[in-house]
């Protein structure tokens, strides 16, 4: 996975940590709340990915 803000790669250890937290708490929302070590921003990957795809589809429809 990559950071939506700076484009840096999210470390696998960060992803595994979130998966473990989601498993322990039995709440799947923790899986997608990621933290970038380069720009120090937290973001919801699933939410931003959905909007990125919608934006891309809109550009295709417009013909850009």
PDB file of N, CA and C in Angstrom:
ATOM      1  N   UNK A   1       0.834  -1.185   0.000  1.00  0.00           N
ATOM      2  CA  UNK A   1       0.000   0.000   0.000  1.00  0.00           C
ATOM      3  C   UNK A   1       0.879   1.249   0.000  1.00  0.00           C
ATOM      4  N   UNK A   2       0.327   2.302  -0.566  1.00  0.00           N
ATOM      5  CA  UNK A   2       1.058   3.564  -0.600  1.00  0.00           C
ATOM      6  C   UNK A   2       0.257   4.647   0.113  1.00  0.00           C
ATOM      7  N   UNK A   3       0.957   5.641   0.599  1.00  0.00           N
ATOM      8  CA  UNK A   3       0.329   6.780   1.265  1.00  0.00           C
ATOM      9  C   UNK A   3      -0.339   7.655   0.209  1.00  0.00           C
ATOM     10  N   UNK A   4      -1.563   8.078   0.456  1.00  0.00           N
ATOM     11  CA  UNK A   4      -2.284   8.924  -0.495  1.00  0.00           C
ATOM     12  C   UNK A   4      -1.744  10.344  -0.516  1.00  0.00           C
ATOM     13  N   UNK A   5      -1.074  10.766   0.552  1.00  0.00           N
ATOM     14  CA  UNK A   5      -0.618  12.149   0.647  1.00  0.00           C
ATOM     15  C   UNK A   5       0.762  12.362   0.046  1.00  0.00           C
ATOM     16  N   UNK A   6       1.717  11.481   0.379  1.00  0.00           N
ATOM     17  CA  UNK A   6       3.090  11.702  -0.097  1.00  0.00           C
ATOM     18  C   UNK A   6       3.576  10.623  -1.062  1.00  0.00           C
ATOM     19  N   UNK A   7       2.850   9.520  -1.212  1.00  0.00           N
ATOM     20  CA  UNK A   7       3.226   8.464  -2.140  1.00  0.00           C
ATOM     21  C   UNK A   7       4.235   7.470  -1.591  1.00  0.00           C
ATOM     22  N   UNK A   8       4.595   7.592  -0.317  1.00  0.00           N
ATOM     23  CA  UNK A   8       5.555   6.665   0.290  1.00  0.00           C
ATOM     24  C   UNK A   8       4.888   5.312   0.531  1.00  0.00           C
ATOM     25  N   UNK A   9       5.702   4.270   0.527  1.00  0.00           N
ATOM     26  CA  UNK A   9       5.185   2.932   0.765  1.00  0.00           C
ATOM     27  C   UNK A   9       4.925   2.737   2.259  1.00  0.00           C
ATOM     28  N   UNK A  10       3.752   2.195   2.583  1.00  0.00           N
ATOM     29  CA  UNK A  10       3.416   1.874   3.972  1.00  0.00           C
ATOM     30  C   UNK A  10       4.091   0.546   4.307  1.00  0.00           C
ATOM     31  N   UNK A  11       4.798   0.501   5.403  1.00  0.00           N
ATOM     32  CA  UNK A  11       5.531  -0.695   5.794  1.00  0.00           C
ATOM     33  C   UNK A  11       4.582  -1.847   6.102  1.00  0.00           C
ATOM     34  N   UNK A  12       5.026  -3.072   5.771  1.00  0.00           N
ATOM     35  CA  UNK A  12       4.218  -4.250   6.065  1.00  0.00           C
ATOM     36  C   UNK A  12       4.012  -4.413   7.560  1.00  0.00           C
ATOM     37  N   UNK A  13       4.988  -3.998   8.365  1.00  0.00           N
ATOM     38  CA  UNK A  13       4.852  -4.111   9.818  1.00  0.00           C
ATOM     39  C   UNK A  13       3.695  -3.257  10.324  1.00  0.00           C
ATOM     40  N   UNK A  14       3.472  -2.104   9.695  1.00  0.00           N
ATOM     41  CA  UNK A  14       2.342  -1.242  10.057  1.00  0.00           C
ATOM     42  C   UNK A  14       1.017  -1.941   9.731  1.00  0.00           C
ATOM     43  N   UNK A  15       0.971  -2.605   8.584  1.00  0.00           N
ATOM     44  CA  UNK A  15      -0.244  -3.312   8.173  1.00  0.00           C
ATOM     45  C   UNK A  15      -0.512  -4.484   9.110  1.00  0.00           C
ATOM     46  N   UNK A  16       0.520  -5.263   9.441  1.00  0.00           N
ATOM     47  CA  UNK A  16       0.359  -6.399  10.344  1.00  0.00           C
ATOM     48  C   UNK A  16      -0.081  -5.950  11.731  1.00  0.00           C
ATOM     49  N   UNK A  17       0.457  -4.813  12.184  1.00  0.00           N
ATOM     50  CA  UNK A  17       0.079  -4.278  13.492  1.00  0.00           C
ATOM     51  C   UNK A  17      -1.412  -3.938  13.513  1.00  0.00           C
ATOM     52  N   UNK A  18      -1.904  -3.341  12.431  1.00  0.00           N
ATOM     53  CA  UNK A  18      -3.323  -2.983  12.352  1.00  0.00           C
ATOM     54  C   UNK A  18      -4.204  -4.226  12.265  1.00  0.00           C
ATOM     55  N   UNK A  19      -3.736  -5.261  11.553  1.00  0.00           N
ATOM     56  CA  UNK A  19      -4.502  -6.501  11.472  1.00  0.00           C
ATOM     57  C   UNK A  19      -4.613  -7.158  12.839  1.00  0.00           C
ATOM     58  N   UNK A  20      -3.517  -7.134  13.596  1.00  0.00           N
ATOM     59  CA  UNK A  20      -3.524  -7.716  14.934  1.00  0.00           C
ATOM     60  C   UNK A  20      -4.468  -6.938  15.852  1.00  0.00           C
ATOM     61  N   UNK A  21      -4.436  -5.601  15.759  1.00  0.00           N
ATOM     62  CA  UNK A  21      -5.310  -4.767  16.571  1.00  0.00           C
ATOM     63  C   UNK A  21      -6.779  -5.038  16.234  1.00  0.00           C
ATOM     64  N   UNK A  22      -7.076  -5.209  14.955  1.00  0.00           N
ATOM     65  CA  UNK A  22      -8.451  -5.485  14.526  1.00  0.00           C
ATOM     66  C   UNK A  22      -8.905  -6.854  15.014  1.00  0.00           C
ATOM     67  N   UNK A  23      -7.989  -7.815  15.015  1.00  0.00           N
ATOM     68  CA  UNK A  23      -8.330  -9.158  15.480  1.00  0.00           C
ATOM     69  C   UNK A  23      -8.604  -9.167  16.980  1.00  0.00           C
ATOM     70  N   UNK A  24      -7.775  -8.485  17.742  1.00  0.00           N
ATOM     71  CA  UNK A  24      -7.939  -8.451  19.200  1.00  0.00           C
ATOM     72  C   UNK A  24      -9.214  -7.715  19.590  1.00  0.00           C
ATOM     73  N   UNK A  25      -9.470  -6.584  18.965  1.00  0.00           N
ATOM     74  CA  UNK A  25     -10.640  -5.779  19.330  1.00  0.00           C
ATOM     75  C   UNK A  25     -11.911  -6.238  18.622  1.00  0.00           C
ATOM     76  N   UNK A  26     -11.781  -7.123  17.640  1.00  0.00           N
ATOM     77  CA  UNK A  26     -12.892  -7.618  16.822  1.00  0.00           C
ATOM     78  C   UNK A  26     -13.630  -6.477  16.123  1.00  0.00           C
ATOM     79  N   UNK A  27     -12.874  -5.483  15.710  1.00  0.00           N
ATOM     80  CA  UNK A  27     -13.425  -4.340  14.982  1.00  0.00           C
ATOM     81  C   UNK A  27     -12.590  -4.148  13.715  1.00  0.00           C
ATOM     82  N   UNK A  28     -13.191  -4.380  12.561  1.00  0.00           N
ATOM     83  CA  UNK A  28     -12.429  -4.371  11.310  1.00  0.00           C
ATOM     84  C   UNK A  28     -12.012  -2.974  10.857  1.00  0.00           C
ATOM     85  N   UNK A  29     -12.542  -1.918  11.466  1.00  0.00           N
ATOM     86  CA  UNK A  29     -12.190  -0.571  11.004  1.00  0.00           C
ATOM     87  C   UNK A  29     -10.722  -0.238  11.258  1.00  0.00           C
ATOM     88  N   UNK A  30     -10.082  -0.914  12.210  1.00  0.00           N
ATOM     89  CA  UNK A  30      -8.673  -0.649  12.502  1.00  0.00           C
ATOM     90  C   UNK A  30      -7.751  -1.091  11.367  1.00  0.00           C
ATOM     91  N   UNK A  31      -8.193  -2.027  10.534  1.00  0.00           N
ATOM     92  CA  UNK A  31      -7.345  -2.532   9.453  1.00  0.00           C
ATOM     93  C   UNK A  31      -7.002  -1.420   8.472  1.00  0.00           C
ATOM     94  N   UNK A  32      -7.946  -0.520   8.233  1.00  0.00           N
ATOM     95  CA  UNK A  32      -7.764   0.492   7.196  1.00  0.00           C
ATOM     96  C   UNK A  32      -7.275   1.838   7.720  1.00  0.00           C
ATOM     97  N   UNK A  33      -7.166   2.011   9.029  1.00  0.00           N
ATOM     98  CA  UNK A  33      -6.639   3.254   9.584  1.00  0.00           C
ATOM     99  C   UNK A  33      -5.119   3.144   9.654  1.00  0.00           C
ATOM    100  N   UNK A  34      -4.452   3.709   8.671  1.00  0.00           N
ATOM    101  CA  UNK A  34      -3.004   3.566   8.555  1.00  0.00           C
ATOM    102  C   UNK A  34      -2.283   4.867   8.870  1.00  0.00           C
ATOM    103  N   UNK A  35      -1.007   4.736   9.216  1.00  0.00           N
ATOM    104  CA  UNK A  35      -0.169   5.880   9.570  1.00  0.00           C
ATOM    105  C   UNK A  35       1.068   5.854   8.682  1.00  0.00           C
ATOM    106  N   UNK A  36       1.360   6.995   8.059  1.00  0.00           N
ATOM    107  CA  UNK A  36       2.555   7.113   7.217  1.00  0.00           C
ATOM    108  C   UNK A  36       3.703   7.653   8.065  1.00  0.00           C
ATOM    109  N   UNK A  37       4.833   6.958   8.030  1.00  0.00           N
ATOM    110  CA  UNK A  37       5.998   7.397   8.803  1.00  0.00           C
ATOM    111  C   UNK A  37       6.723   8.561   8.141  1.00  0.00           C
ATOM    112  N   UNK A  38       6.536   8.746   6.835  1.00  0.00           N
ATOM    113  CA  UNK A  38       7.243   9.811   6.122  1.00  0.00           C
ATOM    114  C   UNK A  38       6.583  11.173   6.344  1.00  0.00           C
ATOM    115  N   UNK A  39       5.258  11.250   6.149  1.00  0.00           N
ATOM    116  CA  UNK A  39       4.582  12.548   6.286  1.00  0.00           C
ATOM    117  C   UNK A  39       3.821  12.672   7.612  1.00  0.00           C
ATOM    118  N   UNK A  40       3.849  11.616   8.434  1.00  0.00           N
ATOM    119  CA  UNK A  40       3.211  11.597   9.757  1.00  0.00           C
ATOM    120  C   UNK A  40       1.722  11.921   9.715  1.00  0.00           C
ATOM    121  N   UNK A  41       1.036  11.389   8.708  1.00  0.00           N
ATOM    122  CA  UNK A  41      -0.412  11.577   8.619  1.00  0.00           C
ATOM    123  C   UNK A  41      -1.107  10.236   8.774  1.00  0.00           C
ATOM    124  N   UNK A  42      -2.269  10.269   9.393  1.00  0.00           N
ATOM    125  CA  UNK A  42      -3.102   9.085   9.508  1.00  0.00           C
ATOM    126  C   UNK A  42      -4.243   9.218   8.511  1.00  0.00           C
ATOM    127  N   UNK A  43      -4.606   8.100   7.889  1.00  0.00           N
ATOM    128  CA  UNK A  43      -5.682   8.150   6.913  1.00  0.00           C
ATOM    129  C   UNK A  43      -6.432   6.828   6.874  1.00  0.00           C
ATOM    130  N   UNK A  44      -7.668   6.900   6.418  1.00  0.00           N
ATOM    131  CA  UNK A  44      -8.522   5.730   6.256  1.00  0.00           C
ATOM    132  C   UNK A  44      -8.369   5.261   4.811  1.00  0.00           C
ATOM    133  N   UNK A  45      -7.635   4.190   4.618  1.00  0.00           N
ATOM    134  CA  UNK A  45      -7.286   3.735   3.273  1.00  0.00           C
ATOM    135  C   UNK A  45      -8.520   3.374   2.456  1.00  0.00           C
ATOM    136  N   UNK A  46      -9.454   2.657   3.078  1.00  0.00           N
ATOM    137  CA  UNK A  46     -10.644   2.208   2.355  1.00  0.00           C
ATOM    138  C   UNK A  46     -11.476   3.401   1.881  1.00  0.00           C
ATOM    139  N   UNK A  47     -11.638   4.408   2.725  1.00  0.00           N
ATOM    140  CA  UNK A  47     -12.415   5.601   2.389  1.00  0.00           C
ATOM    141  C   UNK A  47     -11.762   6.371   1.241  1.00  0.00           C
ATOM    142  N   UNK A  48     -10.452   6.585   1.323  1.00  0.00           N
ATOM    143  CA  UNK A  48      -9.749   7.334   0.282  1.00  0.00           C
ATOM    144  C   UNK A  48      -9.679   6.559  -1.030  1.00  0.00           C
ATOM    145  N   UNK A  49      -9.549   5.234  -0.959  1.00  0.00           N
ATOM    146  CA  UNK A  49      -9.506   4.415  -2.174  1.00  0.00           C
ATOM    147  C   UNK A  49     -10.834   4.512  -2.912  1.00  0.00           C
ATOM    148  N   UNK A  50     -11.945   4.493  -2.172  1.00  0.00           N
ATOM    149  CA  UNK A  50     -13.266   4.596  -2.790  1.00  0.00           C
ATOM    150  C   UNK A  50     -13.405   5.928  -3.525  1.00  0.00           C
ATOM    151  N   UNK A  51     -12.980   7.013  -2.917  1.00  0.00           N
ATOM    152  CA  UNK A  51     -13.089   8.325  -3.541  1.00  0.00           C
ATOM    153  C   UNK A  51     -12.122   8.486  -4.712  1.00  0.00           C
ATOM    154  N   UNK A  52     -10.969   7.839  -4.634  1.00  0.00           N
ATOM    155  CA  UNK A  52     -10.014   7.884  -5.742  1.00  0.00           C
ATOM    156  C   UNK A  52     -10.615   7.207  -6.974  1.00  0.00           C
ATOM    157  N   UNK A  53     -11.281   6.061  -6.778  1.00  0.00           N
ATOM    158  CA  UNK A  53     -11.899   5.354  -7.894  1.00  0.00           C
ATOM    159  C   UNK A  53     -13.056   6.158  -8.477  1.00  0.00           C
ATOM    160  N   UNK A  54     -13.861   6.797  -7.628  1.00  0.00           N
ATOM    161  CA  UNK A  54     -14.963   7.625  -8.118  1.00  0.00           C
ATOM    162  C   UNK A  54     -14.435   8.803  -8.930  1.00  0.00           C
ATOM    163  N   UNK A  55     -13.348   9.419  -8.467  1.00  0.00           N
ATOM    164  CA  UNK A  55     -12.749  10.547  -9.176  1.00  0.00           C
ATOM    165  C   UNK A  55     -12.212  10.108 -10.538  1.00  0.00           C
ATOM    166  N   UNK A  56     -11.567   8.944 -10.567  1.00  0.00           N
ATOM    167  CA  UNK A  56     -11.026   8.422 -11.817  1.00  0.00           C
ATOM    168  C   UNK A  56     -12.156   8.143 -12.809  1.00  0.00           C
ATOM    169  N   UNK A  57     -13.259   7.548 -12.330  1.00  0.00           N
ATOM    170  CA  UNK A  57     -14.401   7.271 -13.200  1.00  0.00           C
ATOM    171  C   UNK A  57     -15.021   8.559 -13.719  1.00  0.00           C
ATOM    172  N   UNK A  58     -15.049   9.596 -12.907  1.00  0.00           N
ATOM    173  CA  UNK A  58     -15.587  10.886 -13.335  1.00  0.00           C
ATOM    174  C   UNK A  58     -14.728  11.477 -14.445  1.00  0.00           C
ATOM    175  N   UNK A  59     -13.408  11.378 -14.314  1.00  0.00           N
ATOM    176  CA  UNK A  59     -12.512  11.891 -15.355  1.00  0.00           C
ATOM    177  C   UNK A  59     -12.693  11.132 -16.667  1.00  0.00           C
ATOM    178  N   UNK A  60     -12.941   9.832 -16.577  1.00  0.00           N
ATOM    179  CA  UNK A  60     -13.162   9.037 -17.786  1.00  0.00           C
ATOM    180  C   UNK A  60     -14.450   9.487 -18.473  1.00  0.00           C
ATOM    181  N   UNK A  61     -15.506   9.723 -17.685  1.00  0.00           N
ATOM    182  CA  UNK A  61     -16.783  10.167 -18.249  1.00  0.00           C
ATOM    183  C   UNK A  61     -16.667  11.544 -18.902  1.00  0.00           C
ATOM    184  N   UNK A  62     -15.892  12.429 -18.293  1.00  0.00           N
ATOM    185  CA  UNK A  62     -15.705  13.771 -18.841  1.00  0.00           C
ATOM    186  C   UNK A  62     -14.865  13.712 -20.115  1.00  0.00           C
ATOM    187  N   UNK A  63     -13.961  12.743 -20.171  1.00  0.00           N
ATOM    188  CA  UNK A  63     -13.105  12.593 -21.341  1.00  0.00           C
ATOM    189  C   UNK A  63     -11.764  13.273 -21.196  1.00  0.00           C
ATOM    190  N   UNK A  64     -11.314  13.437 -19.957  1.00  0.00           N
ATOM    191  CA  UNK A  64     -10.021  14.080 -19.703  1.00  0.00           C
ATOM    192  C   UNK A  64      -8.928  13.044 -19.824  1.00  0.00           C
TER     193      UNK A  64
END
